Amino acid sequence: MAATAGGNDEWRFYRSAVTDDYRWTRKAPNGETVGAATEGYERKADCVANARRNGYTGPDPDFG
């Protein structure tokens, strides 16, 4: 799921198909990755909390 928050950056929240954990990435308007979860999270809430500590200000994401 992609969301825009924290300026014009695009945030992507997803569940890893390989490790079955929750992760996020943040891309600048130029397409460059400027942030990402440094670990996978077992709980969605922990993943979202980590993204918020890194600048995410949008609504709680839908991980699909």
PDB file of N, CA and C in Angstrom:
ATOM      1  N   MET A   1       0.844  -1.164   0.000  1.00  0.00           N
ATOM      2  CA  MET A   1       0.000   0.000   0.000  1.00  0.00           C
ATOM      3  C   MET A   1       0.892   1.231   0.000  1.00  0.00           C
ATOM      4  N   ALA A   2       0.628   2.161  -0.891  1.00  0.00           N
ATOM      5  CA  ALA A   2       1.408   3.392  -0.953  1.00  0.00           C
ATOM      6  C   ALA A   2       0.594   4.529  -0.369  1.00  0.00           C
ATOM      7  N   ALA A   3       1.265   5.396   0.365  1.00  0.00           N
ATOM      8  CA  ALA A   3       0.615   6.558   0.965  1.00  0.00           C
ATOM      9  C   ALA A   3       1.553   7.748   0.838  1.00  0.00           C
ATOM     10  N   THR A   4       0.980   8.928   0.781  1.00  0.00           N
ATOM     11  CA  THR A   4       1.786  10.130   0.734  1.00  0.00           C
ATOM     12  C   THR A   4       1.618  10.858   2.055  1.00  0.00           C
ATOM     13  N   ALA A   5       2.691  11.095   2.735  1.00  0.00           N
ATOM     14  CA  ALA A   5       2.689  11.832   3.994  1.00  0.00           C
ATOM     15  C   ALA A   5       4.127  12.206   4.289  1.00  0.00           C
ATOM     16  N   GLY A   6       4.334  13.218   5.072  1.00  0.00           N
ATOM     17  CA  GLY A   6       5.697  13.645   5.349  1.00  0.00           C
ATOM     18  C   GLY A   6       6.250  14.363   4.133  1.00  0.00           C
ATOM     19  N   GLY A   7       5.631  15.489   3.766  1.00  0.00           N
ATOM     20  CA  GLY A   7       6.039  16.189   2.555  1.00  0.00           C
ATOM     21  C   GLY A   7       5.409  15.514   1.353  1.00  0.00           C
ATOM     22  N   ASN A   8       6.165  15.415   0.291  1.00  0.00           N
ATOM     23  CA  ASN A   8       5.664  14.754  -0.918  1.00  0.00           C
ATOM     24  C   ASN A   8       6.238  13.357  -1.083  1.00  0.00           C
ATOM     25  N   ASP A   9       6.829  12.829  -0.042  1.00  0.00           N
ATOM     26  CA  ASP A   9       7.411  11.488  -0.116  1.00  0.00           C
ATOM     27  C   ASP A   9       6.314  10.431  -0.225  1.00  0.00           C
ATOM     28  N   GLU A  10       6.632   9.335  -0.881  1.00  0.00           N
ATOM     29  CA  GLU A  10       5.703   8.222  -0.997  1.00  0.00           C
ATOM     30  C   GLU A  10       6.133   7.129  -0.028  1.00  0.00           C
ATOM     31  N   TRP A  11       5.205   6.685   0.787  1.00  0.00           N
ATOM     32  CA  TRP A  11       5.450   5.623   1.758  1.00  0.00           C
ATOM     33  C   TRP A  11       4.788   4.352   1.264  1.00  0.00           C
ATOM     34  N   ARG A  12       5.501   3.240   1.339  1.00  0.00           N
ATOM     35  CA  ARG A  12       4.946   1.946   0.946  1.00  0.00           C
ATOM     36  C   ARG A  12       5.007   1.026   2.155  1.00  0.00           C
ATOM     37  N   PHE A  13       3.882   0.469   2.520  1.00  0.00           N
ATOM     38  CA  PHE A  13       3.794  -0.487   3.621  1.00  0.00           C
ATOM     39  C   PHE A  13       3.441  -1.841   3.026  1.00  0.00           C
ATOM     40  N   TYR A  14       4.151  -2.873   3.446  1.00  0.00           N
ATOM     41  CA  TYR A  14       3.912  -4.184   2.848  1.00  0.00           C
ATOM     42  C   TYR A  14       4.296  -5.301   3.808  1.00  0.00           C
ATOM     43  N   ARG A  15       3.809  -6.479   3.476  1.00  0.00           N
ATOM     44  CA  ARG A  15       4.177  -7.685   4.215  1.00  0.00           C
ATOM     45  C   ARG A  15       5.107  -8.483   3.329  1.00  0.00           C
ATOM     46  N   SER A  16       6.271  -8.822   3.832  1.00  0.00           N
ATOM     47  CA  SER A  16       7.262  -9.551   3.058  1.00  0.00           C
ATOM     48  C   SER A  16       6.767 -10.961   2.742  1.00  0.00           C
ATOM     49  N   ALA A  17       6.850 -11.317   1.480  1.00  0.00           N
ATOM     50  CA  ALA A  17       6.437 -12.659   1.063  1.00  0.00           C
ATOM     51  C   ALA A  17       7.454 -13.711   1.505  1.00  0.00           C
ATOM     52  N   VAL A  18       8.689 -13.282   1.720  1.00  0.00           N
ATOM     53  CA  VAL A  18       9.758 -14.216   2.090  1.00  0.00           C
ATOM     54  C   VAL A  18       9.762 -14.499   3.583  1.00  0.00           C
ATOM     55  N   THR A  19       9.725 -13.438   4.393  1.00  0.00           N
ATOM     56  CA  THR A  19       9.856 -13.602   5.846  1.00  0.00           C
ATOM     57  C   THR A  19       8.540 -13.436   6.591  1.00  0.00           C
ATOM     58  N   ASP A  20       7.465 -13.046   5.881  1.00  0.00           N
ATOM     59  CA  ASP A  20       6.131 -12.896   6.452  1.00  0.00           C
ATOM     60  C   ASP A  20       6.078 -11.857   7.573  1.00  0.00           C
ATOM     61  N   ASP A  21       6.904 -10.819   7.472  1.00  0.00           N
ATOM     62  CA  ASP A  21       6.861  -9.750   8.455  1.00  0.00           C
ATOM     63  C   ASP A  21       6.470  -8.440   7.775  1.00  0.00           C
ATOM     64  N   TYR A  22       6.208  -7.414   8.576  1.00  0.00           N
ATOM     65  CA  TYR A  22       5.743  -6.122   8.068  1.00  0.00           C
ATOM     66  C   TYR A  22       6.918  -5.162   7.930  1.00  0.00           C
ATOM     67  N   ARG A  23       6.905  -4.389   6.831  1.00  0.00           N
ATOM     68  CA  ARG A  23       7.994  -3.463   6.530  1.00  0.00           C
ATOM     69  C   ARG A  23       7.455  -2.206   5.862  1.00  0.00           C
ATOM     70  N   TRP A  24       8.295  -1.181   5.757  1.00  0.00           N
ATOM     71  CA  TRP A  24       7.928   0.044   5.044  1.00  0.00           C
ATOM     72  C   TRP A  24       9.143   0.601   4.320  1.00  0.00           C
ATOM     73  N   THR A  25       8.879   1.377   3.269  1.00  0.00           N
ATOM     74  CA  THR A  25       9.922   2.131   2.577  1.00  0.00           C
ATOM     75  C   THR A  25       9.390   3.538   2.314  1.00  0.00           C
ATOM     76  N   ARG A  26      10.311   4.484   2.198  1.00  0.00           N
ATOM     77  CA  ARG A  26       9.961   5.885   1.928  1.00  0.00           C
ATOM     78  C   ARG A  26      10.773   6.360   0.733  1.00  0.00           C
ATOM     79  N   LYS A  27      10.068   6.900  -0.277  1.00  0.00           N
ATOM     80  CA  LYS A  27      10.747   7.389  -1.481  1.00  0.00           C
ATOM     81  C   LYS A  27      10.493   8.873  -1.654  1.00  0.00           C
ATOM     82  N   ALA A  28      11.547   9.584  -2.053  1.00  0.00           N
ATOM     83  CA  ALA A  28      11.460  11.012  -2.356  1.00  0.00           C
ATOM     84  C   ALA A  28      10.765  11.196  -3.701  1.00  0.00           C
ATOM     85  N   PRO A  29      10.305  12.417  -3.993  1.00  0.00           N
ATOM     86  CA  PRO A  29       9.648  12.675  -5.279  1.00  0.00           C
ATOM     87  C   PRO A  29      10.495  12.294  -6.497  1.00  0.00           C
ATOM     88  N   ASN A  30      11.825  12.280  -6.351  1.00  0.00           N
ATOM     89  CA  ASN A  30      12.684  11.903  -7.482  1.00  0.00           C
ATOM     90  C   ASN A  30      12.828  10.385  -7.624  1.00  0.00           C
ATOM     91  N   GLY A  31      12.132   9.621  -6.775  1.00  0.00           N
ATOM     92  CA  GLY A  31      12.167   8.161  -6.867  1.00  0.00           C
ATOM     93  C   GLY A  31      13.239   7.491  -6.032  1.00  0.00           C
ATOM     94  N   GLU A  32      14.092   8.282  -5.399  1.00  0.00           N
ATOM     95  CA  GLU A  32      15.170   7.730  -4.585  1.00  0.00           C
ATOM     96  C   GLU A  32      14.642   7.269  -3.225  1.00  0.00           C
ATOM     97  N   THR A  33      15.064   6.081  -2.789  1.00  0.00           N
ATOM     98  CA  THR A  33      14.683   5.595  -1.461  1.00  0.00           C
ATOM     99  C   THR A  33      15.434   6.410  -0.423  1.00  0.00           C
ATOM    100  N   VAL A  34      14.682   7.022   0.485  1.00  0.00           N
ATOM    101  CA  VAL A  34      15.295   7.864   1.516  1.00  0.00           C
ATOM    102  C   VAL A  34      15.076   7.308   2.919  1.00  0.00           C
ATOM    103  N   GLY A  35      14.386   6.183   3.019  1.00  0.00           N
ATOM    104  CA  GLY A  35      14.182   5.547   4.310  1.00  0.00           C
ATOM    105  C   GLY A  35      13.552   4.180   4.136  1.00  0.00           C
ATOM    106  N   ALA A  36      13.780   3.327   5.110  1.00  0.00           N
ATOM    107  CA  ALA A  36      13.198   1.983   5.085  1.00  0.00           C
ATOM    108  C   ALA A  36      13.299   1.376   6.474  1.00  0.00           C
ATOM    109  N   ALA A  37      12.404   0.453   6.763  1.00  0.00           N
ATOM    110  CA  ALA A  37      12.479  -0.275   8.023  1.00  0.00           C
ATOM    111  C   ALA A  37      13.795  -1.049   8.032  1.00  0.00           C
ATOM    112  N   THR A  38      14.507  -0.954   9.124  1.00  0.00           N
ATOM    113  CA  THR A  38      15.786  -1.665   9.220  1.00  0.00           C
ATOM    114  C   THR A  38      15.606  -3.097   9.696  1.00  0.00           C
ATOM    115  N   GLU A  39      14.371  -3.433  10.049  1.00  0.00           N
ATOM    116  CA  GLU A  39      14.056  -4.793  10.459  1.00  0.00           C
ATOM    117  C   GLU A  39      12.602  -5.067  10.101  1.00  0.00           C
ATOM    118  N   GLY A  40      12.219  -6.319  10.096  1.00  0.00           N
ATOM    119  CA  GLY A  40      10.838  -6.681   9.878  1.00  0.00           C
ATOM    120  C   GLY A  40      10.122  -6.742  11.220  1.00  0.00           C
ATOM    121  N   TYR A  41       8.825  -6.501  11.201  1.00  0.00           N
ATOM    122  CA  TYR A  41       8.031  -6.488  12.427  1.00  0.00           C
ATOM    123  C   TYR A  41       6.959  -7.555  12.371  1.00  0.00           C
ATOM    124  N   GLU A  42       6.774  -8.265  13.477  1.00  0.00           N
ATOM    125  CA  GLU A  42       5.746  -9.296  13.555  1.00  0.00           C
ATOM    126  C   GLU A  42       4.364  -8.677  13.634  1.00  0.00           C
ATOM    127  N   ARG A  43       4.275  -7.487  14.235  1.00  0.00           N
ATOM    128  CA  ARG A  43       2.984  -6.813  14.410  1.00  0.00           C
ATOM    129  C   ARG A  43       2.903  -5.565  13.534  1.00  0.00           C
ATOM    130  N   LYS A  44       1.746  -5.371  12.897  1.00  0.00           N
ATOM    131  CA  LYS A  44       1.532  -4.186  12.064  1.00  0.00           C
ATOM    132  C   LYS A  44       1.743  -2.909  12.871  1.00  0.00           C
ATOM    133  N   ALA A  45       1.213  -2.881  14.085  1.00  0.00           N
ATOM    134  CA  ALA A  45       1.290  -1.678  14.917  1.00  0.00           C
ATOM    135  C   ALA A  45       2.737  -1.271  15.180  1.00  0.00           C
ATOM    136  N   ASP A  46       3.625  -2.241  15.368  1.00  0.00           N
ATOM    137  CA  ASP A  46       5.034  -1.925  15.610  1.00  0.00           C
ATOM    138  C   ASP A  46       5.680  -1.342  14.359  1.00  0.00           C
ATOM    139  N   CYS A  47       5.303  -1.855  13.201  1.00  0.00           N
ATOM    140  CA  CYS A  47       5.827  -1.347  11.940  1.00  0.00           C
ATOM    141  C   CYS A  47       5.382   0.098  11.725  1.00  0.00           C
ATOM    142  N   VAL A  48       4.107   0.374  11.946  1.00  0.00           N
ATOM    143  CA  VAL A  48       3.578   1.730  11.778  1.00  0.00           C
ATOM    144  C   VAL A  48       4.227   2.676  12.785  1.00  0.00           C
ATOM    145  N   ALA A  49       4.411   2.239  14.017  1.00  0.00           N
ATOM    146  CA  ALA A  49       5.055   3.083  15.032  1.00  0.00           C
ATOM    147  C   ALA A  49       6.478   3.436  14.608  1.00  0.00           C
ATOM    148  N   ASN A  50       7.194   2.495  14.027  1.00  0.00           N
ATOM    149  CA  ASN A  50       8.548   2.769  13.552  1.00  0.00           C
ATOM    150  C   ASN A  50       8.524   3.776  12.412  1.00  0.00           C
ATOM    151  N   ALA A  51       7.576   3.634  11.491  1.00  0.00           N
ATOM    152  CA  ALA A  51       7.456   4.588  10.387  1.00  0.00           C
ATOM    153  C   ALA A  51       7.136   5.981  10.926  1.00  0.00           C
ATOM    154  N   ARG A  52       6.278   6.069  11.929  1.00  0.00           N
ATOM    155  CA  ARG A  52       5.941   7.369  12.523  1.00  0.00           C
ATOM    156  C   ARG A  52       7.166   8.011  13.172  1.00  0.00           C
ATOM    157  N   ARG A  53       8.007   7.221  13.792  1.00  0.00           N
ATOM    158  CA  ARG A  53       9.250   7.770  14.374  1.00  0.00           C
ATOM    159  C   ARG A  53      10.186   8.291  13.295  1.00  0.00           C
ATOM    160  N   ASN A  54       9.959   7.835  12.065  1.00  0.00           N
ATOM    161  CA  ASN A  54      10.796   8.252  10.941  1.00  0.00           C
ATOM    162  C   ASN A  54      10.102   9.243  10.016  1.00  0.00           C
ATOM    163  N   GLY A  55       9.009   9.844  10.490  1.00  0.00           N
ATOM    164  CA  GLY A  55       8.392  10.933   9.756  1.00  0.00           C
ATOM    165  C   GLY A  55       7.040  10.681   9.135  1.00  0.00           C
ATOM    166  N   TYR A  56       6.512   9.467   9.204  1.00  0.00           N
ATOM    167  CA  TYR A  56       5.206   9.186   8.612  1.00  0.00           C
ATOM    168  C   TYR A  56       4.116   9.864   9.439  1.00  0.00           C
ATOM    169  N   THR A  57       3.235  10.624   8.775  1.00  0.00           N
ATOM    170  CA  THR A  57       2.181  11.341   9.475  1.00  0.00           C
ATOM    171  C   THR A  57       0.795  11.007   8.954  1.00  0.00           C
ATOM    172  N   GLY A  58       0.697  10.053   8.066  1.00  0.00           N
ATOM    173  CA  GLY A  58      -0.579   9.705   7.455  1.00  0.00           C
ATOM    174  C   GLY A  58      -1.426   8.805   8.337  1.00  0.00           C
ATOM    175  N   PRO A  59      -2.565   8.382   7.787  1.00  0.00           N
ATOM    176  CA  PRO A  59      -3.453   7.470   8.524  1.00  0.00           C
ATOM    177  C   PRO A  59      -2.830   6.081   8.643  1.00  0.00           C
ATOM    178  N   ASP A  60      -3.362   5.276   9.522  1.00  0.00           N
ATOM    179  CA  ASP A  60      -2.871   3.909   9.640  1.00  0.00           C
ATOM    180  C   ASP A  60      -3.024   3.220   8.287  1.00  0.00           C
ATOM    181  N   PRO A  61      -1.944   2.657   7.761  1.00  0.00           N
ATOM    182  CA  PRO A  61      -1.972   2.069   6.420  1.00  0.00           C
ATOM    183  C   PRO A  61      -2.668   0.711   6.391  1.00  0.00           C
ATOM    184  N   ASP A  62      -3.107   0.349   5.195  1.00  0.00           N
ATOM    185  CA  ASP A  62      -3.673  -0.965   4.932  1.00  0.00           C
ATOM    186  C   ASP A  62      -2.557  -1.776   4.277  1.00  0.00           C
ATOM    187  N   PHE A  63      -2.181  -2.883   4.868  1.00  0.00           N
ATOM    188  CA  PHE A  63      -1.079  -3.677   4.338  1.00  0.00           C
ATOM    189  C   PHE A  63      -1.512  -4.612   3.215  1.00  0.00           C
ATOM    190  N   GLY A  64      -2.776  -4.530   2.834  1.00  0.00           N
ATOM    191  CA  GLY A  64      -3.268  -5.314   1.699  1.00  0.00           C
ATOM    192  C   GLY A  64      -3.534  -6.691   1.992  1.00  0.00           C
TER     193      GLY A  64
END
